Amino acid sequence: LFTNANDGSNEGIAHETRPYFTAQFHPEAAAGPTDTEFMFDVFLEHCRDPKGKITFPVRPPPPEKPKVQKILMLGSGGTSIGQAGEFDYSGGQAIKALKEEGKEVVLMNPNIASVQTNMDKKSAHKADHVYFLPVTPDFVEEVIQKEKPDSIII
């Protein structure tokens, strides 16, 4: 029924002879991408005509992934105990995922004591370049001019 654009995995199924279908993500009330909005239309149409066959519109293929090689990641900034640690961890996981995809990562984060800025030899997935600067418009602009990233992740 649906194919994940990132890894080609199955995201949903529709029964061939009975009026059942499901999805493995959360399209309810357009909380996510609006490209699944048609599911509500199909459901409501079937409620009006329960004996009718469920048919789904032919969907266009997803757009091609953008050609991005160098990414500027704006880090979580200063944190204190019990405050925003999840942003630091998720940023570290983002760096790991980007490095696994072969991307060059430029990190800008003023917090020297964070997972994201860890540069020790034990860290297999660390940023290629780290700027310990405040994440303010002026400093971000300077780093963009110097590094010339293809993309920015916040």
N, C-alpha and C. Protein backbone atom coordinates (compact mmCIF):
# COMPACT_ATOMS: atom_id res chain seq x y z
N LEU A 1 0.82 -1.20 0.00
CA LEU A 1 0.00 0.00 0.00
C LEU A 1 0.86 1.26 0.00
N PHE A 2 1.88 1.30 0.87
CA PHE A 2 2.78 2.45 0.93
C PHE A 2 4.21 1.94 0.96
N THR A 3 5.10 2.69 0.35
CA THR A 3 6.52 2.34 0.38
C THR A 3 7.27 3.50 1.02
N ASN A 4 8.10 3.17 2.00
CA ASN A 4 8.90 4.18 2.66
C ASN A 4 9.93 4.72 1.66
N ALA A 5 9.95 6.03 1.47
CA ALA A 5 10.85 6.64 0.49
C ALA A 5 12.31 6.55 0.93
N ASN A 6 12.57 6.35 2.22
CA ASN A 6 13.95 6.30 2.70
C ASN A 6 14.59 4.94 2.48
N ASP A 7 13.86 3.87 2.82
CA ASP A 7 14.49 2.54 2.75
C ASP A 7 13.72 1.52 1.92
N GLY A 8 12.60 1.93 1.31
CA GLY A 8 11.85 1.03 0.44
C GLY A 8 11.03 -0.01 1.20
N SER A 9 10.91 0.12 2.51
CA SER A 9 10.16 -0.86 3.30
C SER A 9 8.65 -0.64 3.16
N ASN A 10 7.88 -1.67 3.47
CA ASN A 10 6.43 -1.61 3.42
C ASN A 10 5.90 -0.83 4.61
N GLU A 11 5.00 0.10 4.35
CA GLU A 11 4.45 0.94 5.41
C GLU A 11 2.96 0.69 5.65
N GLY A 12 2.33 -0.15 4.87
CA GLY A 12 0.90 -0.38 5.07
C GLY A 12 0.39 -1.46 4.13
N ILE A 13 -0.80 -1.96 4.44
CA ILE A 13 -1.37 -3.03 3.63
C ILE A 13 -2.84 -2.77 3.38
N ALA A 14 -3.35 -3.37 2.31
CA ALA A 14 -4.77 -3.35 2.00
C ALA A 14 -5.18 -4.78 1.65
N HIS A 15 -6.27 -5.25 2.22
CA HIS A 15 -6.78 -6.59 1.94
C HIS A 15 -7.27 -6.63 0.49
N GLU A 16 -7.04 -7.75 -0.19
CA GLU A 16 -7.40 -7.84 -1.61
C GLU A 16 -8.90 -8.00 -1.83
N THR A 17 -9.60 -8.67 -0.91
CA THR A 17 -11.03 -8.92 -1.14
C THR A 17 -11.95 -8.30 -0.10
N ARG A 18 -11.44 -7.91 1.03
CA ARG A 18 -12.28 -7.31 2.08
C ARG A 18 -11.95 -5.84 2.24
N PRO A 19 -12.87 -5.09 2.80
CA PRO A 19 -12.65 -3.64 2.91
C PRO A 19 -11.78 -3.24 4.11
N TYR A 20 -10.57 -3.75 4.16
CA TYR A 20 -9.67 -3.45 5.27
C TYR A 20 -8.38 -2.86 4.71
N PHE A 21 -7.91 -1.83 5.38
CA PHE A 21 -6.59 -1.31 5.05
C PHE A 21 -6.00 -0.67 6.30
N THR A 22 -4.71 -0.57 6.33
CA THR A 22 -4.02 0.00 7.49
C THR A 22 -2.70 0.61 7.05
N ALA A 23 -2.16 1.45 7.91
CA ALA A 23 -0.84 2.05 7.69
C ALA A 23 -0.06 1.95 8.99
N GLN A 24 1.25 1.88 8.87
CA GLN A 24 2.10 1.70 10.04
C GLN A 24 2.70 3.01 10.54
N PHE A 25 2.23 4.11 10.06
CA PHE A 25 2.68 5.41 10.54
C PHE A 25 1.46 6.16 11.04
N HIS A 26 1.59 7.40 11.36
CA HIS A 26 0.50 8.13 12.00
C HIS A 26 0.02 9.29 11.13
N PRO A 27 -0.85 9.04 10.15
CA PRO A 27 -1.32 10.12 9.30
C PRO A 27 -2.54 10.86 9.86
N GLU A 28 -3.03 10.48 11.04
CA GLU A 28 -4.28 11.05 11.54
C GLU A 28 -4.23 12.56 11.64
N ALA A 29 -5.28 13.16 11.16
CA ALA A 29 -5.46 14.61 11.21
C ALA A 29 -4.28 15.38 10.65
N ALA A 30 -3.61 14.80 9.68
CA ALA A 30 -2.46 15.44 9.01
C ALA A 30 -1.39 15.84 10.00
N ALA A 31 -1.20 15.02 11.04
CA ALA A 31 -0.16 15.32 12.03
C ALA A 31 1.22 15.22 11.40
N GLY A 32 1.33 14.41 10.38
CA GLY A 32 2.60 14.25 9.69
C GLY A 32 2.48 14.81 8.29
N PRO A 33 3.12 14.17 7.35
CA PRO A 33 3.02 14.65 5.96
C PRO A 33 1.58 14.60 5.46
N THR A 34 1.20 15.56 4.66
CA THR A 34 -0.17 15.61 4.14
C THR A 34 -0.36 14.70 2.94
N ASP A 35 0.68 13.98 2.52
CA ASP A 35 0.53 13.10 1.37
C ASP A 35 -0.29 11.85 1.67
N THR A 36 -0.72 11.66 2.92
CA THR A 36 -1.58 10.52 3.27
C THR A 36 -3.01 10.96 3.54
N GLU A 37 -3.31 12.19 3.26
CA GLU A 37 -4.65 12.72 3.49
C GLU A 37 -5.71 11.95 2.70
N PHE A 38 -5.32 11.39 1.58
CA PHE A 38 -6.27 10.64 0.75
C PHE A 38 -6.85 9.43 1.48
N MET A 39 -6.15 8.93 2.50
CA MET A 39 -6.66 7.77 3.24
C MET A 39 -8.00 8.11 3.90
N PHE A 40 -8.15 9.33 4.39
CA PHE A 40 -9.40 9.73 5.02
C PHE A 40 -10.53 9.79 3.99
N ASP A 41 -10.19 10.29 2.81
CA ASP A 41 -11.19 10.35 1.73
C ASP A 41 -11.66 8.94 1.35
N VAL A 42 -10.72 8.01 1.23
CA VAL A 42 -11.06 6.62 0.89
C VAL A 42 -11.93 6.02 1.99
N PHE A 43 -11.57 6.27 3.24
CA PHE A 43 -12.35 5.73 4.37
C PHE A 43 -13.78 6.29 4.37
N LEU A 44 -13.91 7.60 4.23
CA LEU A 44 -15.24 8.22 4.24
C LEU A 44 -16.08 7.77 3.05
N GLU A 45 -15.44 7.64 1.90
CA GLU A 45 -16.15 7.15 0.72
C GLU A 45 -16.68 5.74 0.96
N HIS A 46 -15.88 4.91 1.61
CA HIS A 46 -16.32 3.54 1.89
C HIS A 46 -17.43 3.53 2.95
N CYS A 47 -17.42 4.46 3.88
CA CYS A 47 -18.50 4.54 4.87
C CYS A 47 -19.82 4.88 4.18
N ARG A 48 -19.77 5.73 3.17
CA ARG A 48 -20.99 6.08 2.42
C ARG A 48 -21.48 4.91 1.56
N ASP A 49 -20.55 4.09 1.08
CA ASP A 49 -20.90 2.95 0.22
C ASP A 49 -20.14 1.72 0.72
N PRO A 50 -20.60 1.10 1.84
CA PRO A 50 -19.85 -0.01 2.43
C PRO A 50 -19.72 -1.23 1.54
N LYS A 51 -20.58 -1.39 0.56
CA LYS A 51 -20.51 -2.55 -0.34
C LYS A 51 -19.52 -2.32 -1.49
N GLY A 52 -19.14 -1.07 -1.67
CA GLY A 52 -18.23 -0.75 -2.78
C GLY A 52 -16.81 -1.25 -2.51
N LYS A 53 -16.06 -1.37 -3.58
CA LYS A 53 -14.66 -1.83 -3.48
C LYS A 53 -13.78 -0.65 -3.07
N ILE A 54 -12.85 -0.91 -2.19
CA ILE A 54 -11.92 0.14 -1.78
C ILE A 54 -10.85 0.27 -2.86
N THR A 55 -10.71 1.46 -3.39
CA THR A 55 -9.66 1.72 -4.37
C THR A 55 -8.87 2.94 -3.92
N PHE A 56 -7.59 2.86 -4.12
CA PHE A 56 -6.70 3.94 -3.74
C PHE A 56 -6.20 4.65 -4.99
N PRO A 57 -6.06 5.95 -4.93
CA PRO A 57 -5.54 6.67 -6.10
C PRO A 57 -4.09 6.26 -6.37
N VAL A 58 -3.71 6.34 -7.62
CA VAL A 58 -2.31 6.08 -7.98
C VAL A 58 -1.51 7.29 -7.52
N ARG A 59 -0.50 6.99 -6.73
CA ARG A 59 0.31 8.08 -6.18
C ARG A 59 1.58 8.25 -7.00
N PRO A 60 1.99 9.48 -7.20
CA PRO A 60 3.24 9.70 -7.94
C PRO A 60 4.42 9.22 -7.10
N PRO A 61 5.51 8.86 -7.75
CA PRO A 61 6.68 8.43 -6.97
C PRO A 61 7.22 9.59 -6.14
N PRO A 62 7.90 9.30 -5.03
CA PRO A 62 8.44 10.39 -4.21
C PRO A 62 9.51 11.16 -4.98
N PRO A 63 9.71 12.41 -4.61
CA PRO A 63 10.75 13.18 -5.30
C PRO A 63 12.12 12.59 -5.02
N GLU A 64 13.02 12.84 -5.92
CA GLU A 64 14.39 12.34 -5.75
C GLU A 64 15.03 13.01 -4.53
N LYS A 65 15.84 12.25 -3.81
CA LYS A 65 16.54 12.82 -2.66
C LYS A 65 17.45 13.94 -3.12
N PRO A 66 17.51 15.04 -2.36
CA PRO A 66 18.40 16.13 -2.76
C PRO A 66 19.86 15.69 -2.66
N LYS A 67 20.67 16.24 -3.52
CA LYS A 67 22.10 15.93 -3.53
C LYS A 67 22.79 16.81 -2.49
N VAL A 68 22.94 16.30 -1.31
CA VAL A 68 23.54 17.05 -0.21
C VAL A 68 24.76 16.28 0.27
N GLN A 69 25.89 16.96 0.38
CA GLN A 69 27.10 16.30 0.85
C GLN A 69 27.60 16.93 2.16
N LYS A 70 27.51 18.24 2.28
CA LYS A 70 28.04 18.93 3.45
C LYS A 70 26.90 19.59 4.20
N ILE A 71 26.79 19.26 5.49
CA ILE A 71 25.67 19.72 6.31
C ILE A 71 26.17 20.50 7.51
N LEU A 72 25.59 21.67 7.72
CA LEU A 72 25.85 22.44 8.94
C LEU A 72 24.78 22.09 9.95
N MET A 73 25.21 21.60 11.09
CA MET A 73 24.28 21.24 12.16
C MET A 73 24.42 22.25 13.28
N LEU A 74 23.31 22.90 13.60
CA LEU A 74 23.30 23.86 14.70
C LEU A 74 22.99 23.09 15.97
N GLY A 75 23.93 23.02 16.89
CA GLY A 75 23.82 22.20 18.08
C GLY A 75 22.85 22.72 19.12
N SER A 76 22.75 21.96 20.19
CA SER A 76 21.77 22.25 21.23
C SER A 76 22.15 23.41 22.12
N GLY A 77 23.38 23.83 22.08
CA GLY A 77 23.80 24.95 22.90
C GLY A 77 24.04 24.53 24.34
N GLY A 78 24.17 25.51 25.20
CA GLY A 78 24.44 25.24 26.61
C GLY A 78 23.27 24.57 27.30
N THR A 79 23.55 23.57 28.09
CA THR A 79 22.52 22.90 28.87
C THR A 79 22.99 22.77 30.30
N SER A 80 22.03 22.64 31.20
CA SER A 80 22.37 22.38 32.59
C SER A 80 21.72 21.06 32.99
N ILE A 81 22.06 20.55 34.13
CA ILE A 81 21.55 19.25 34.57
C ILE A 81 20.02 19.25 34.54
N GLY A 82 19.47 18.25 33.88
CA GLY A 82 18.01 18.10 33.79
C GLY A 82 17.34 18.99 32.76
N GLN A 83 18.14 19.68 31.96
CA GLN A 83 17.56 20.60 30.99
C GLN A 83 18.09 20.29 29.60
N ALA A 84 17.21 19.90 28.71
CA ALA A 84 17.48 19.76 27.28
C ALA A 84 18.55 18.73 26.93
N GLY A 85 18.80 17.78 27.80
CA GLY A 85 19.76 16.72 27.49
C GLY A 85 19.34 15.90 26.29
N GLU A 86 18.02 15.76 26.08
CA GLU A 86 17.55 14.97 24.94
C GLU A 86 17.94 15.61 23.61
N PHE A 87 18.07 16.94 23.57
CA PHE A 87 18.49 17.60 22.34
C PHE A 87 19.95 17.27 22.04
N ASP A 88 20.75 17.20 23.07
CA ASP A 88 22.15 16.85 22.89
C ASP A 88 22.25 15.41 22.38
N TYR A 89 21.51 14.50 22.99
CA TYR A 89 21.55 13.09 22.57
C TYR A 89 21.04 12.94 21.14
N SER A 90 19.91 13.58 20.82
CA SER A 90 19.35 13.43 19.48
C SER A 90 20.28 14.04 18.44
N GLY A 91 20.96 15.11 18.79
CA GLY A 91 21.95 15.68 17.88
C GLY A 91 23.10 14.74 17.63
N GLY A 92 23.55 14.06 18.70
CA GLY A 92 24.60 13.06 18.54
C GLY A 92 24.16 11.92 17.63
N GLN A 93 22.89 11.51 17.77
CA GLN A 93 22.35 10.45 16.91
C GLN A 93 22.23 10.93 15.47
N ALA A 94 21.89 12.20 15.29
CA ALA A 94 21.81 12.76 13.93
C ALA A 94 23.18 12.75 13.27
N ILE A 95 24.21 13.13 14.01
CA ILE A 95 25.57 13.10 13.48
C ILE A 95 25.92 11.67 13.07
N LYS A 96 25.62 10.72 13.92
CA LYS A 96 25.91 9.32 13.62
C LYS A 96 25.22 8.89 12.32
N ALA A 97 23.93 9.21 12.19
CA ALA A 97 23.18 8.83 10.99
C ALA A 97 23.76 9.50 9.74
N LEU A 98 24.10 10.77 9.84
CA LEU A 98 24.66 11.48 8.69
C LEU A 98 26.01 10.90 8.28
N LYS A 99 26.84 10.56 9.26
CA LYS A 99 28.14 9.97 8.95
C LYS A 99 27.97 8.59 8.31
N GLU A 100 26.98 7.82 8.76
CA GLU A 100 26.72 6.52 8.15
C GLU A 100 26.28 6.66 6.69
N GLU A 101 25.69 7.81 6.35
CA GLU A 101 25.28 8.10 4.98
C GLU A 101 26.42 8.70 4.16
N GLY A 102 27.59 8.85 4.79
CA GLY A 102 28.75 9.38 4.08
C GLY A 102 28.76 10.89 3.94
N LYS A 103 28.03 11.59 4.79
CA LYS A 103 27.95 13.04 4.70
C LYS A 103 29.05 13.70 5.53
N GLU A 104 29.46 14.89 5.11
CA GLU A 104 30.40 15.70 5.88
C GLU A 104 29.58 16.58 6.81
N VAL A 105 29.90 16.53 8.12
CA VAL A 105 29.11 17.24 9.12
C VAL A 105 29.95 18.35 9.75
N VAL A 106 29.40 19.57 9.69
CA VAL A 106 29.99 20.72 10.36
C VAL A 106 29.06 21.04 11.52
N LEU A 107 29.59 20.97 12.73
CA LEU A 107 28.78 21.21 13.93
C LEU A 107 29.13 22.56 14.53
N MET A 108 28.09 23.29 14.87
CA MET A 108 28.26 24.57 15.56
C MET A 108 27.52 24.46 16.89
N ASN A 109 28.26 24.45 17.99
CA ASN A 109 27.67 24.26 19.31
C ASN A 109 28.58 24.91 20.35
N PRO A 110 28.07 25.83 21.16
CA PRO A 110 28.91 26.49 22.15
C PRO A 110 29.21 25.63 23.38
N ASN A 111 28.55 24.50 23.51
CA ASN A 111 28.71 23.67 24.71
C ASN A 111 29.85 22.67 24.50
N ILE A 112 30.95 22.87 25.19
CA ILE A 112 32.09 21.95 25.02
C ILE A 112 31.88 20.63 25.76
N ALA A 113 30.93 20.59 26.67
CA ALA A 113 30.69 19.36 27.45
C ALA A 113 29.40 18.70 26.97
N SER A 114 29.38 18.25 25.73
CA SER A 114 28.18 17.62 25.20
C SER A 114 28.55 16.38 24.39
N VAL A 115 27.57 15.53 24.16
CA VAL A 115 27.77 14.35 23.34
C VAL A 115 28.09 14.77 21.90
N GLN A 116 27.39 15.79 21.43
CA GLN A 116 27.59 16.24 20.05
C GLN A 116 29.03 16.68 19.78
N THR A 117 29.64 17.33 20.74
CA THR A 117 30.97 17.90 20.52
C THR A 117 32.09 16.96 20.95
N ASN A 118 31.77 15.74 21.30
CA ASN A 118 32.77 14.77 21.72
C ASN A 118 33.71 14.47 20.56
N MET A 119 34.98 14.73 20.74
CA MET A 119 35.95 14.54 19.66
C MET A 119 37.02 13.51 20.01
N ASP A 120 36.80 12.70 21.06
CA ASP A 120 37.83 11.74 21.42
C ASP A 120 37.94 10.62 20.38
N LYS A 121 39.02 9.88 20.42
CA LYS A 121 39.29 8.84 19.43
C LYS A 121 38.31 7.67 19.52
N LYS A 122 37.62 7.52 20.66
CA LYS A 122 36.65 6.43 20.82
C LYS A 122 35.35 6.71 20.08
N SER A 123 35.11 7.96 19.71
CA SER A 123 33.86 8.34 19.05
C SER A 123 33.97 8.07 17.55
N ALA A 124 33.35 6.99 17.11
CA ALA A 124 33.41 6.63 15.69
C ALA A 124 32.60 7.58 14.82
N HIS A 125 31.53 8.12 15.37
CA HIS A 125 30.64 8.99 14.60
C HIS A 125 30.65 10.38 15.21
N LYS A 126 31.60 11.17 14.77
CA LYS A 126 31.70 12.53 15.27
C LYS A 126 31.71 13.49 14.09
N ALA A 127 31.43 14.74 14.37
CA ALA A 127 31.42 15.75 13.31
C ALA A 127 32.81 15.91 12.72
N ASP A 128 32.85 16.27 11.44
CA ASP A 128 34.14 16.49 10.77
C ASP A 128 34.78 17.79 11.21
N HIS A 129 33.95 18.79 11.47
CA HIS A 129 34.44 20.11 11.90
C HIS A 129 33.52 20.58 13.04
N VAL A 130 34.12 21.12 14.09
CA VAL A 130 33.32 21.61 15.22
C VAL A 130 33.71 23.06 15.50
N TYR A 131 32.70 23.91 15.60
CA TYR A 131 32.88 25.31 15.95
C TYR A 131 32.23 25.54 17.31
N PHE A 132 33.04 25.90 18.29
CA PHE A 132 32.54 26.22 19.63
C PHE A 132 32.18 27.70 19.66
N LEU A 133 31.06 28.02 19.03
CA LEU A 133 30.60 29.40 18.92
C LEU A 133 29.14 29.49 19.34
N PRO A 134 28.71 30.66 19.83
CA PRO A 134 27.28 30.83 20.13
C PRO A 134 26.45 30.67 18.85
N VAL A 135 25.30 30.06 18.98
CA VAL A 135 24.41 29.87 17.83
C VAL A 135 23.54 31.13 17.71
N THR A 136 24.15 32.16 17.13
CA THR A 136 23.48 33.43 16.90
C THR A 136 23.54 33.73 15.41
N PRO A 137 22.66 34.59 14.90
CA PRO A 137 22.68 34.86 13.45
C PRO A 137 24.04 35.30 12.92
N ASP A 138 24.75 36.15 13.63
CA ASP A 138 26.04 36.63 13.13
C ASP A 138 27.07 35.51 13.03
N PHE A 139 27.18 34.69 14.08
CA PHE A 139 28.15 33.59 14.05
C PHE A 139 27.74 32.51 13.05
N VAL A 140 26.46 32.23 12.96
CA VAL A 140 26.00 31.23 11.98
C VAL A 140 26.34 31.69 10.57
N GLU A 141 26.12 32.97 10.29
CA GLU A 141 26.45 33.51 8.97
C GLU A 141 27.93 33.37 8.66
N GLU A 142 28.78 33.63 9.66
CA GLU A 142 30.23 33.48 9.47
C GLU A 142 30.60 32.04 9.11
N VAL A 143 30.03 31.08 9.83
CA VAL A 143 30.34 29.68 9.57
C VAL A 143 29.82 29.26 8.19
N ILE A 144 28.65 29.74 7.82
CA ILE A 144 28.10 29.43 6.49
C ILE A 144 29.03 29.97 5.40
N GLN A 145 29.51 31.20 5.56
CA GLN A 145 30.41 31.78 4.57
C GLN A 145 31.71 31.00 4.46
N LYS A 146 32.21 30.53 5.60
CA LYS A 146 33.48 29.79 5.58
C LYS A 146 33.31 28.37 5.06
N GLU A 147 32.31 27.65 5.53
CA GLU A 147 32.15 26.22 5.21
C GLU A 147 31.34 25.96 3.94
N LYS A 148 30.46 26.87 3.58
CA LYS A 148 29.60 26.72 2.40
C LYS A 148 28.85 25.37 2.38
N PRO A 149 28.01 25.13 3.41
CA PRO A 149 27.27 23.86 3.46
C PRO A 149 26.17 23.81 2.40
N ASP A 150 25.78 22.59 2.02
CA ASP A 150 24.67 22.38 1.11
C ASP A 150 23.34 22.45 1.83
N SER A 151 23.37 22.23 3.15
CA SER A 151 22.15 22.12 3.92
C SER A 151 22.42 22.51 5.36
N ILE A 152 21.34 22.85 6.08
CA ILE A 152 21.44 23.17 7.50
C ILE A 152 20.43 22.32 8.25
N ILE A 153 20.87 21.74 9.36
CA ILE A 153 19.99 21.00 10.25
C ILE A 153 19.95 21.74 11.58
N ILE A 154 18.74 21.92 12.07
CA ILE A 154 18.60 22.61 13.36
C ILE A 154 18.19 21.61 14.41
